Amino acid sequence: MRTAAAFQGGRHATMRATFAALRHRNYRIWAGAGFVSIIGTWMQVLGVNWYVLQATGSVTSMGWTILLQALPSLLLSTWGGALADRLRARPLLIGTQVMHTALALGLAAVAWSHTGGLPVIYAISLISGAVSAIEGPVMGRWGSTLVDRATLGNALALGSLTNSAGRILGMSVGAVLVAAAGPAPLFVINAVSFAAVVLALFSIRQRDLHTPDAAEPADSKSTAAVEPSADSGGVRAGFAYLRGQRLVLTMLALAFVLGSLGRNYQVTMAAMSDGPLGAGASGYGMLSTVFAIGTVVGALVAAQRRELGYGILVGAGILASLLQVLAGLAPGTWTFAAFILPIAATAVIIDTTVGTRAQLDTAGAMRGRVLAAVGVTGSIAAAVGAPLLGWLSEHVGPRQTLVLAGGLAAVASVTAGVALARQKRQAVAVVPATLGAVTVGRAAARLRGAATVSRMCPEGHAPVPVAARVTTTVRSAHGYSASEPRYGRPRRRSVAGANRPAVGAGSPTQSTPPLP
């Protein structure tokens, strides 16, 4: 009886951990609206592809619409990140939803009236990509304020789950509708779906939003790091800030390699289906469904993790790369599908971890620009990787391409793991605002005007008072560098002290908050 009760309690605890972000009312509203909008978005993607394919009979023409939608993100995402850090998110998001609605209705008008044809479709695709490029970083920053810091990773994982489920449902329903009535109804449904997002923006309580607080950076090259402000310099300041974040740069480099060599599965699955597997179009459709199921599994796994750190990123990268090598050696379609499912799961874990670390390990004032850098990295990886893998598949062979790309991605993951471990050991303890670099040792205590800084310490250890002043980094007689935080033994706290609430805890802010 006790065993059954313990099992039941453990299952409930797992469920609570998996859906922890749903405890926040604002996030529940946003996730529901996002699910509706994602269904409409994928229905429109299917409708556009079907319209272009029917009008031209050319897969290349269909690829142009995808390129036109992705191209603006390379040029405008950084500006969107700067806007996300400087302006209120709610008005910007309402404006982008109105523009998306107008563009979707424009597509419906073209599909119904057959006026304008492909040039209008291409123009709307380009404008839609530009709006999405500006909107993406704003969405990311807004989403980070809907939950607290402890559940941000869970919220991002649930966002991946919502996106995967919405994609499956949107493509399935869209396939039925487009066969029965053509693509125009799909565009109208997408236009209506944006109303759910606007309604959610008005329903979210401003007083319950969480401040995108400054990160506790694990790395900085500067010895006198100063917390940046939202008004500091725009796009150029964002690049300057990123240059000093070595952990984040290493993470983005690994994300680029994994994204370009190991994430363009639309190309490799099609090449394998049409080539050595001999599965044809039906086999490609089956593999796409298996891949979508894998993304749902990956989102659930990521949601159950209390913390998504760099170790998980490196481990998932190595696992995905080795599975890709094995997929290239798969003898049949079902064996290939058995490898594709965990590959898709690890892909979502990688994406969720990158998004989580990009938000938790960077300054709050720069978060929009960092998220823009993440988006640009993904776009460049897709733009470079898809043609490269396609060319290799044609000239070397699909199997050889998967094995080669997987091997290179595995080497890159191991190399990044070594670099991340070294950078974390050499981490610099950055103090807030104008206090600058930390100097440790007896000599620092004698500096005139020295200030005592209290820092967060892991595992309940109490902070050792550290003399801080803007100065050069030195090493004390005890062997500690100015860049190394020191921790003392855990302090015993009285019952009264333990029950006393933290000052300012849970105070509402007026800050404004990932893509629904």
Protein backbone atom coordinates (compact mmCIF):
# COMPACT_ATOMS: atom_id res chain seq x y z
CA MET A 1 0.00 0.00 0.00
CA ARG A 2 2.81 2.32 0.94
CA THR A 3 4.65 1.41 -2.26
CA ALA A 4 1.58 2.26 -4.35
CA ALA A 5 1.17 5.57 -2.53
CA ALA A 6 4.83 6.41 -3.03
CA PHE A 7 4.55 5.58 -6.73
CA GLN A 8 1.46 7.74 -7.05
CA GLY A 9 3.18 10.62 -5.27
CA GLY A 10 6.25 10.30 -7.48
CA ARG A 11 4.10 10.36 -10.60
CA HIS A 12 2.31 13.49 -9.42
CA ALA A 13 5.65 15.13 -8.64
CA THR A 14 6.89 14.32 -12.14
CA MET A 15 3.75 15.80 -13.68
CA ARG A 16 4.12 18.96 -11.61
CA ALA A 17 7.74 19.31 -12.68
CA THR A 18 6.91 18.69 -16.35
CA PHE A 19 4.24 21.40 -16.45
CA ALA A 20 5.68 23.72 -13.79
CA ALA A 21 5.36 26.85 -15.95
CA LEU A 22 1.59 26.36 -16.20
CA ARG A 23 1.31 27.43 -12.57
CA HIS A 24 1.66 30.99 -13.85
CA ARG A 25 -1.66 32.41 -15.04
CA ASN A 26 -0.03 34.68 -17.62
CA TYR A 27 1.86 31.78 -19.16
CA ARG A 28 -1.28 29.64 -19.38
CA ILE A 29 -3.03 32.38 -21.34
CA TRP A 30 -0.04 32.92 -23.61
CA ALA A 31 0.51 29.19 -24.25
CA GLY A 32 -3.14 28.69 -25.21
CA ALA A 33 -3.10 31.63 -27.61
CA GLY A 34 0.24 30.47 -29.01
CA PHE A 35 -1.14 27.00 -29.73
CA VAL A 36 -4.03 28.47 -31.73
CA SER A 37 -1.70 30.79 -33.64
CA ILE A 38 0.81 28.03 -34.43
CA ILE A 39 -1.94 25.85 -35.90
CA GLY A 40 -2.90 28.71 -38.21
CA THR A 41 0.72 29.46 -39.10
CA TRP A 42 1.45 25.90 -40.25
CA MET A 43 -1.82 25.79 -42.18
CA GLN A 44 -0.68 28.91 -44.04
CA VAL A 45 2.77 27.40 -44.69
CA LEU A 46 1.08 24.39 -46.27
CA GLY A 47 -1.29 26.63 -48.24
CA VAL A 48 1.49 28.79 -49.68
CA ASN A 49 3.59 25.79 -50.68
CA TRP A 50 0.58 24.12 -52.30
CA TYR A 51 -0.45 27.28 -54.19
CA VAL A 52 3.05 27.86 -55.58
CA LEU A 53 3.49 24.21 -56.50
CA GLN A 54 0.11 24.10 -58.28
CA ALA A 55 0.81 27.37 -60.12
CA THR A 56 4.31 26.50 -61.30
CA GLY A 57 4.77 22.74 -60.91
CA SER A 58 8.27 23.58 -59.71
CA VAL A 59 9.77 22.65 -56.36
CA THR A 60 12.43 25.31 -56.97
CA SER A 61 9.76 28.03 -57.06
CA MET A 62 8.40 26.72 -53.78
CA GLY A 63 11.90 26.97 -52.34
CA TRP A 64 12.03 30.64 -53.32
CA THR A 65 9.10 31.44 -51.05
CA ILE A 66 10.88 29.76 -48.15
CA LEU A 67 14.06 31.69 -48.90
CA LEU A 68 12.21 35.01 -49.12
CA GLN A 69 10.65 34.40 -45.71
CA ALA A 70 13.99 33.45 -44.12
CA LEU A 71 16.15 36.14 -45.74
CA PRO A 72 14.90 39.14 -43.70
CA SER A 73 15.86 37.44 -40.43
CA LEU A 74 19.51 37.67 -41.46
CA LEU A 75 19.20 41.41 -42.00
CA LEU A 76 16.62 42.61 -39.50
CA SER A 77 16.75 40.33 -36.45
CA THR A 78 19.49 42.39 -34.80
CA TRP A 79 17.35 45.52 -35.13
CA GLY A 80 14.43 43.61 -33.71
CA GLY A 81 16.59 42.66 -30.74
CA ALA A 82 17.49 46.29 -30.13
CA LEU A 83 13.81 47.27 -30.27
CA ALA A 84 12.97 44.45 -27.85
CA ASP A 85 15.44 45.83 -25.32
CA ARG A 86 14.34 49.47 -25.68
CA LEU A 87 10.59 49.57 -26.28
CA ARG A 88 7.54 48.13 -24.56
CA ALA A 89 6.70 44.72 -25.96
CA ARG A 90 2.90 44.78 -25.79
CA PRO A 91 2.31 47.60 -28.37
CA LEU A 92 4.97 46.12 -30.69
CA LEU A 93 3.40 42.69 -30.55
CA ILE A 94 -0.10 43.99 -31.15
CA GLY A 95 1.22 45.85 -34.20
CA THR A 96 2.94 42.77 -35.61
CA GLN A 97 -0.19 40.64 -35.12
CA VAL A 98 -2.26 43.20 -37.04
CA MET A 99 0.30 43.14 -39.87
CA HIS A 100 0.32 39.34 -39.96
CA THR A 101 -3.48 39.38 -40.16
CA ALA A 102 -3.45 41.81 -43.09
CA LEU A 103 -0.83 39.75 -44.94
CA ALA A 104 -2.81 36.52 -44.44
CA LEU A 105 -5.95 38.18 -45.80
CA GLY A 106 -3.89 39.39 -48.77
CA LEU A 107 -2.87 35.81 -49.50
CA ALA A 108 -6.51 34.73 -49.31
CA ALA A 109 -7.51 37.45 -51.76
CA VAL A 110 -4.82 36.36 -54.25
CA ALA A 111 -5.82 32.71 -53.93
CA TRP A 112 -9.54 33.46 -54.43
CA SER A 113 -9.28 36.06 -57.20
CA HIS A 114 -6.15 34.74 -58.94
CA THR A 115 -4.99 38.34 -59.42
CA GLY A 116 -1.34 39.22 -58.97
CA GLY A 117 -0.14 35.65 -59.07
CA LEU A 118 3.31 34.62 -57.95
CA PRO A 119 4.86 38.12 -57.76
CA VAL A 120 2.32 39.10 -55.10
CA ILE A 121 2.86 35.82 -53.25
CA TYR A 122 6.61 36.42 -53.25
CA ALA A 123 6.17 40.01 -52.08
CA ILE A 124 3.87 38.97 -49.22
CA SER A 125 6.33 36.21 -48.23
CA LEU A 126 9.15 38.75 -48.09
CA ILE A 127 7.14 41.23 -46.01
CA SER A 128 5.96 38.44 -43.72
CA GLY A 129 9.57 37.40 -43.14
CA ALA A 130 10.51 40.97 -42.29
CA VAL A 131 7.68 41.26 -39.73
CA SER A 132 8.67 37.92 -38.18
CA ALA A 133 12.32 39.01 -37.99
CA ILE A 134 11.35 42.06 -35.94
CA GLU A 135 8.80 40.14 -33.92
CA GLY A 136 10.96 37.16 -32.89
CA PRO A 137 13.27 38.84 -30.34
CA VAL A 138 10.36 40.84 -28.92
CA MET A 139 8.38 37.62 -28.44
CA GLY A 140 11.36 35.98 -26.75
CA ARG A 141 11.89 38.81 -24.30
CA TRP A 142 8.17 39.08 -23.56
CA GLY A 143 7.94 35.34 -22.94
CA SER A 144 10.77 35.48 -20.40
CA THR A 145 8.71 37.83 -18.21
CA LEU A 146 5.67 35.53 -18.04
CA VAL A 147 7.41 33.11 -15.65
CA ASP A 148 10.04 33.35 -12.96
CA ARG A 149 13.67 32.49 -13.48
CA ALA A 150 13.31 29.00 -11.94
CA THR A 151 10.67 27.89 -14.48
CA LEU A 152 12.01 29.68 -17.59
CA GLY A 153 13.62 26.52 -18.97
CA ASN A 154 10.39 24.60 -18.42
CA ALA A 155 8.42 27.34 -20.18
CA LEU A 156 10.72 27.15 -23.21
CA ALA A 157 10.40 23.35 -23.30
CA LEU A 158 6.60 23.60 -23.14
CA GLY A 159 6.82 26.17 -25.92
CA SER A 160 8.62 23.58 -28.05
CA LEU A 161 5.91 21.06 -27.17
CA THR A 162 3.21 23.54 -28.17
CA ASN A 163 4.99 24.28 -31.45
CA SER A 164 5.38 20.58 -32.28
CA ALA A 165 1.78 19.72 -31.44
CA GLY A 166 0.48 22.77 -33.32
CA ARG A 167 2.58 21.87 -36.35
CA ILE A 168 1.21 18.31 -36.45
CA LEU A 169 -2.39 19.44 -36.04
CA GLY A 170 -2.07 22.39 -38.43
CA MET A 171 -0.47 20.35 -41.21
CA SER A 172 -2.97 17.49 -40.77
CA VAL A 173 -6.08 19.67 -40.82
CA GLY A 174 -4.58 21.87 -43.53
CA ALA A 175 -3.97 18.87 -45.79
CA VAL A 176 -7.65 17.92 -45.57
CA LEU A 177 -8.89 21.48 -46.18
CA VAL A 178 -6.56 22.25 -49.07
CA ALA A 179 -7.67 19.07 -50.85
CA ALA A 180 -11.34 19.93 -50.34
CA ALA A 181 -11.46 23.72 -50.84
CA GLY A 182 -8.05 24.94 -51.98
CA PRO A 183 -5.53 27.10 -50.09
CA ALA A 184 -7.65 30.24 -49.56
CA PRO A 185 -9.54 28.98 -46.45
CA LEU A 186 -6.21 28.14 -44.82
CA PHE A 187 -5.11 31.78 -45.15
CA VAL A 188 -8.37 33.02 -43.65
CA ILE A 189 -8.05 30.65 -40.68
CA ASN A 190 -4.53 31.90 -40.06
CA ALA A 191 -5.70 35.51 -40.16
CA VAL A 192 -8.35 34.74 -37.52
CA SER A 193 -5.83 32.89 -35.34
CA PHE A 194 -3.88 36.08 -34.70
CA ALA A 195 -6.90 37.45 -32.85
CA ALA A 196 -6.18 34.90 -30.10
CA VAL A 197 -2.73 36.42 -29.58
CA VAL A 198 -4.10 39.97 -29.42
CA LEU A 199 -6.73 38.89 -26.93
CA ALA A 200 -4.07 37.19 -24.81
CA LEU A 201 -1.95 40.35 -24.83
CA PHE A 202 -4.86 42.31 -23.36
CA SER A 203 -5.68 39.55 -20.84
CA ILE A 204 -2.22 39.22 -19.32
CA ARG A 205 -1.85 40.95 -15.97
CA GLN A 206 0.86 43.56 -16.02
CA ARG A 207 1.40 43.35 -12.26
CA ASP A 208 2.25 39.62 -12.50
CA LEU A 209 5.04 40.07 -15.02
CA HIS A 210 8.55 39.14 -13.91
CA THR A 211 11.55 41.38 -14.40
CA PRO A 212 14.10 40.06 -16.90
CA ASP A 213 16.71 40.39 -14.19
CA ALA A 214 20.40 40.66 -14.80
CA ALA A 215 22.09 37.33 -15.28
CA GLU A 216 24.73 35.85 -13.09
CA PRO A 217 27.28 35.67 -15.87
CA ALA A 218 29.50 32.66 -15.84
CA ASP A 219 32.06 34.33 -18.03
CA SER A 220 33.42 37.67 -19.02
CA LYS A 221 36.69 38.79 -20.52
CA SER A 222 36.47 42.21 -18.95
CA THR A 223 38.05 42.84 -15.59
CA ALA A 224 35.80 45.80 -14.98
CA ALA A 225 32.50 44.57 -16.28
CA VAL A 226 29.57 46.95 -15.93
CA GLU A 227 25.94 45.87 -16.24
CA PRO A 228 24.68 47.43 -19.49
CA SER A 229 21.48 49.38 -19.74
CA ALA A 230 18.74 48.96 -22.30
CA ASP A 231 19.59 52.32 -23.86
CA SER A 232 23.28 51.56 -24.30
CA GLY A 233 24.13 51.75 -27.95
CA GLY A 234 21.62 49.65 -29.87
CA VAL A 235 22.79 46.99 -32.31
CA ARG A 236 26.47 47.87 -32.08
CA ALA A 237 26.37 47.64 -28.30
CA GLY A 238 24.76 44.22 -28.59
CA PHE A 239 27.65 42.91 -30.69
CA ALA A 240 30.16 44.47 -28.31
CA TYR A 241 28.44 42.81 -25.37
CA LEU A 242 28.39 39.39 -27.07
CA ARG A 243 32.13 39.60 -27.80
CA GLY A 244 32.72 39.54 -24.06
CA GLN A 245 30.52 36.49 -23.41
CA ARG A 246 32.78 33.59 -24.26
CA LEU A 247 30.46 30.88 -22.94
CA VAL A 248 27.58 32.18 -25.03
CA LEU A 249 29.77 32.54 -28.13
CA THR A 250 31.01 28.95 -27.76
CA MET A 251 27.42 27.80 -27.36
CA LEU A 252 26.34 29.67 -30.51
CA ALA A 253 29.29 28.22 -32.46
CA LEU A 254 28.25 24.70 -31.45
CA ALA A 255 24.61 25.50 -32.31
CA PHE A 256 25.73 26.66 -35.77
CA VAL A 257 27.67 23.43 -36.48
CA LEU A 258 24.87 21.21 -35.21
CA GLY A 259 22.29 23.26 -37.10
CA SER A 260 24.12 23.23 -40.42
CA LEU A 261 25.49 19.66 -40.43
CA GLY A 262 22.94 17.84 -38.31
CA ARG A 263 19.63 19.65 -38.43
CA ASN A 264 18.61 19.96 -42.08
CA TYR A 265 16.64 16.73 -41.97
CA GLN A 266 14.19 17.83 -44.67
CA VAL A 267 17.09 17.51 -47.11
CA THR A 268 18.66 14.31 -45.77
CA MET A 269 15.36 12.49 -45.20
CA ALA A 270 14.23 13.32 -48.74
CA ALA A 271 17.58 12.20 -50.17
CA MET A 272 17.50 8.91 -48.24
CA SER A 273 13.85 8.23 -49.14
CA ASP A 274 14.39 8.90 -52.82
CA GLY A 275 17.77 7.17 -52.91
CA PRO A 276 19.11 4.19 -50.96
CA LEU A 277 15.94 3.49 -48.97
CA GLY A 278 13.68 3.53 -52.05
CA ALA A 279 10.72 4.64 -49.91
CA GLY A 280 9.44 7.35 -52.26
CA ALA A 281 7.00 10.10 -51.31
CA SER A 282 5.00 7.92 -48.92
CA GLY A 283 8.14 6.95 -47.03
CA TYR A 284 9.17 10.59 -46.79
CA GLY A 285 5.77 11.46 -45.35
CA MET A 286 6.07 8.67 -42.79
CA LEU A 287 9.54 9.84 -41.77
CA SER A 288 8.26 13.40 -41.40
CA THR A 289 5.52 12.16 -39.07
CA VAL A 290 8.04 10.17 -37.01
CA PHE A 291 10.24 13.26 -36.80
CA ALA A 292 7.32 15.34 -35.54
CA ILE A 293 6.54 12.74 -32.87
CA GLY A 294 10.19 12.84 -31.83
CA THR A 295 10.01 16.59 -31.30
CA VAL A 296 7.08 16.09 -28.91
CA VAL A 297 9.08 13.47 -26.98
CA GLY A 298 12.08 15.79 -26.80
CA ALA A 299 9.95 18.66 -25.52
CA LEU A 300 8.53 16.46 -22.74
CA VAL A 301 12.01 15.29 -21.74
CA ALA A 302 13.31 18.86 -21.64
CA ALA A 303 10.30 20.00 -19.63
CA GLN A 304 11.04 17.42 -16.91
CA ARG A 305 14.56 18.76 -16.36
CA ARG A 306 14.92 21.18 -13.47
CA GLU A 307 17.94 22.74 -15.12
CA LEU A 308 19.23 22.78 -18.69
CA GLY A 309 22.96 23.42 -18.56
CA TYR A 310 25.90 23.29 -20.92
CA GLY A 311 26.58 19.65 -20.04
CA ILE A 312 23.16 18.68 -21.38
CA LEU A 313 23.81 20.71 -24.54
CA VAL A 314 27.12 18.96 -25.22
CA GLY A 315 25.73 15.52 -24.34
CA ALA A 316 22.72 15.99 -26.61
CA GLY A 317 25.01 17.20 -29.41
CA ILE A 318 27.24 14.14 -29.15
CA LEU A 319 24.25 11.77 -28.96
CA ALA A 320 22.51 13.38 -31.96
CA SER A 321 25.71 13.25 -34.02
CA LEU A 322 26.35 9.57 -33.29
CA LEU A 323 22.72 8.73 -34.06
CA GLN A 324 23.09 10.56 -37.37
CA VAL A 325 26.08 8.38 -38.25
CA LEU A 326 24.06 5.25 -37.44
CA ALA A 327 21.10 6.59 -39.46
CA GLY A 328 23.40 6.83 -42.49
CA LEU A 329 24.18 3.13 -42.07
CA ALA A 330 20.51 2.08 -41.58
CA PRO A 331 19.59 -0.77 -43.98
CA GLY A 332 15.86 0.01 -44.31
CA THR A 333 13.19 2.68 -43.86
CA TRP A 334 11.93 1.47 -40.47
CA THR A 335 15.47 1.23 -39.09
CA PHE A 336 16.12 4.74 -40.36
CA ALA A 337 12.91 5.92 -38.69
CA ALA A 338 14.03 4.32 -35.41
CA PHE A 339 17.08 6.61 -35.45
CA ILE A 340 15.16 9.68 -36.66
CA LEU A 341 12.84 9.71 -33.63
CA PRO A 342 15.58 10.18 -30.97
CA ILE A 343 17.45 12.54 -33.31
CA ALA A 344 14.36 14.77 -33.40
CA ALA A 345 14.07 14.56 -29.61
CA THR A 346 17.67 15.65 -29.09
CA ALA A 347 17.17 18.49 -31.59
CA VAL A 348 14.45 19.98 -29.40
CA ILE A 349 16.56 19.50 -26.26
CA ILE A 350 19.44 21.34 -27.97
CA ASP A 351 17.19 24.22 -29.07
CA THR A 352 15.58 24.52 -25.64
CA THR A 353 18.94 24.49 -23.85
CA VAL A 354 20.39 27.14 -26.17
CA GLY A 355 17.35 29.37 -25.64
CA THR A 356 17.46 28.87 -21.87
CA ARG A 357 21.16 29.62 -21.46
CA ALA A 358 20.93 32.60 -23.83
CA GLN A 359 18.37 34.18 -21.50
CA LEU A 360 19.70 33.12 -18.10
CA ASP A 361 23.40 33.76 -18.71
CA THR A 362 23.15 37.25 -20.21
CA ALA A 363 22.28 40.69 -18.93
CA GLY A 364 18.58 41.51 -18.85
CA ALA A 365 19.15 44.75 -20.74
CA MET A 366 20.77 42.86 -23.61
CA ARG A 367 18.43 39.86 -23.71
CA GLY A 368 16.55 40.87 -26.85
CA ARG A 369 19.76 41.38 -28.80
CA VAL A 370 21.15 38.05 -27.59
CA LEU A 371 17.96 36.28 -28.68
CA ALA A 372 18.30 37.98 -32.07
CA ALA A 373 21.83 36.56 -32.32
CA VAL A 374 20.44 33.09 -31.57
CA GLY A 375 17.85 33.51 -34.34
CA VAL A 376 20.44 34.75 -36.85
CA THR A 377 22.69 31.81 -35.99
CA GLY A 378 19.86 29.38 -36.77
CA SER A 379 19.01 31.13 -40.04
CA ILE A 380 22.62 31.13 -41.24
CA ALA A 381 23.00 27.48 -40.26
CA ALA A 382 19.94 26.57 -42.34
CA ALA A 383 21.05 28.72 -45.27
CA VAL A 384 24.55 27.18 -45.30
CA GLY A 385 23.71 23.62 -44.31
CA ALA A 386 20.77 22.86 -46.63
CA PRO A 387 22.60 23.56 -49.93
CA LEU A 388 25.79 21.92 -48.63
CA LEU A 389 24.07 18.71 -47.57
CA GLY A 390 22.05 18.67 -50.79
CA TRP A 391 25.20 19.02 -52.91
CA LEU A 392 26.99 16.30 -50.94
CA SER A 393 23.98 13.99 -51.23
CA GLU A 394 24.02 14.37 -55.02
CA HIS A 395 27.77 14.05 -55.54
CA VAL A 396 28.90 11.80 -52.68
CA GLY A 397 25.74 9.98 -51.69
CA PRO A 398 23.09 10.38 -48.95
CA ARG A 399 24.58 7.71 -46.69
CA GLN A 400 28.10 9.10 -46.95
CA THR A 401 26.74 12.60 -46.30
CA LEU A 402 25.01 11.57 -43.07
CA VAL A 403 28.08 9.69 -41.81
CA LEU A 404 30.48 12.53 -42.69
CA ALA A 405 28.29 15.30 -41.30
CA GLY A 406 27.54 13.31 -38.14
CA GLY A 407 31.22 12.61 -37.53
CA LEU A 408 32.16 16.28 -37.93
CA ALA A 409 29.31 17.33 -35.64
CA ALA A 410 30.46 14.82 -32.99
CA VAL A 411 34.00 16.22 -33.12
CA ALA A 412 32.63 19.75 -32.82
CA SER A 413 30.49 18.76 -29.81
CA VAL A 414 33.45 17.21 -27.98
CA THR A 415 35.63 20.24 -28.79
CA ALA A 416 32.94 22.62 -27.56
CA GLY A 417 32.53 20.55 -24.39
CA VAL A 418 36.24 20.87 -23.62
CA ALA A 419 36.17 24.61 -24.35
CA LEU A 420 33.08 25.20 -22.19
CA ALA A 421 34.60 23.27 -19.28
CA ARG A 422 37.81 25.31 -19.50
CA GLN A 423 35.92 28.60 -19.71
CA LYS A 424 33.78 27.73 -16.70
CA ARG A 425 36.90 26.97 -14.66
CA GLN A 426 38.31 30.34 -15.66
CA ALA A 427 35.03 32.11 -14.99
CA VAL A 428 35.20 35.71 -13.83
CA ALA A 429 33.05 36.83 -10.93
CA VAL A 430 31.36 39.97 -12.24
CA VAL A 431 29.90 42.39 -9.68
CA PRO A 432 26.84 44.53 -10.36
CA ALA A 433 26.86 47.91 -12.05
CA THR A 434 29.75 50.25 -11.25
CA LEU A 435 31.57 48.13 -8.68
CA GLY A 436 33.70 46.66 -11.44
CA ALA A 437 36.21 43.84 -11.05
CA VAL A 438 36.67 41.96 -7.79
CA THR A 439 40.03 42.05 -6.07
CA VAL A 440 40.78 39.41 -3.46
CA GLY A 441 43.49 39.37 -0.79
CA ARG A 442 44.83 41.29 2.14
CA ALA A 443 46.04 44.18 0.03
CA ALA A 444 42.49 44.82 -1.23
CA ALA A 445 41.21 45.38 2.31
CA ARG A 446 43.60 48.31 2.69
CA LEU A 447 42.41 50.08 -0.45
CA ARG A 448 40.72 53.36 0.31
CA GLY A 449 37.05 53.44 -0.57
CA ALA A 450 36.77 49.68 -0.88
CA ALA A 451 33.19 48.33 -0.80
CA THR A 452 31.91 45.03 0.54
CA VAL A 453 30.00 42.96 -1.98
CA SER A 454 27.60 40.09 -1.21
CA ARG A 455 27.33 37.48 -3.94
CA MET A 456 25.06 34.47 -4.44
CA CYS A 457 26.81 31.25 -3.48
CA PRO A 458 25.89 27.70 -4.48
CA GLU A 459 24.62 24.94 -2.23
CA GLY A 460 23.75 27.15 0.69
CA HIS A 461 27.29 28.42 1.34
CA ALA A 462 27.55 31.83 2.86
CA PRO A 463 29.45 34.51 0.95
CA VAL A 464 32.86 35.67 2.15
CA PRO A 465 32.98 39.49 2.24
CA VAL A 466 34.99 40.58 -0.78
CA ALA A 467 36.57 43.97 -1.19
CA ALA A 468 35.55 45.37 -4.56
CA ARG A 469 36.87 48.27 -6.54
CA VAL A 470 37.41 49.09 -10.23
CA THR A 471 41.01 48.03 -10.64
CA THR A 472 43.14 45.52 -12.44
CA THR A 473 42.93 41.84 -11.69
CA VAL A 474 45.56 40.61 -9.24
CA ARG A 475 46.31 37.31 -7.55
CA SER A 476 46.53 37.23 -3.80
CA ALA A 477 49.14 35.53 -1.66
CA HIS A 478 46.64 32.73 -1.03
CA GLY A 479 46.57 31.87 -4.73
CA TYR A 480 43.09 33.21 -5.49
CA SER A 481 42.61 35.28 -8.59
CA ALA A 482 40.41 38.34 -8.63
CA SER A 483 38.24 36.47 -11.10
CA GLU A 484 37.54 33.58 -8.73
CA PRO A 485 34.64 33.78 -6.26
CA ARG A 486 35.32 32.40 -2.77
CA TYR A 487 32.81 30.65 -0.59
CA GLY A 488 32.79 30.03 3.12
CA ARG A 489 31.19 27.37 5.26
CA PRO A 490 27.38 27.30 5.46
CA ARG A 491 26.02 29.58 8.18
CA ARG A 492 23.41 28.40 10.62
CA ARG A 493 20.26 30.47 10.33
CA SER A 494 17.78 31.03 13.08
CA VAL A 495 14.18 29.95 12.66
CA ALA A 496 13.09 33.55 12.57
CA GLY A 497 15.68 34.38 9.93
CA ALA A 498 14.73 31.37 7.85
CA ASN A 499 11.06 32.35 7.84
CA ARG A 500 11.67 36.01 7.08
CA PRO A 501 10.73 36.85 3.46
CA ALA A 502 13.37 38.28 1.18
CA VAL A 503 13.20 42.00 0.63
CA GLY A 504 11.48 42.81 -2.64
CA ALA A 505 10.72 39.19 -3.45
CA GLY A 506 7.91 38.82 -5.94
CA SER A 507 7.42 42.55 -6.41
CA PRO A 508 5.57 43.32 -9.65
CA THR A 509 7.27 45.32 -12.36
CA GLN A 510 6.23 47.21 -15.42
CA SER A 511 8.66 45.37 -17.66
CA THR A 512 7.20 43.95 -20.81
CA PRO A 513 7.57 40.14 -22.03
CA PRO A 514 8.95 32.93 -27.14
CA LEU A 515 6.99 33.13 -30.13
CA PRO A 516 3.55 31.72 -29.45
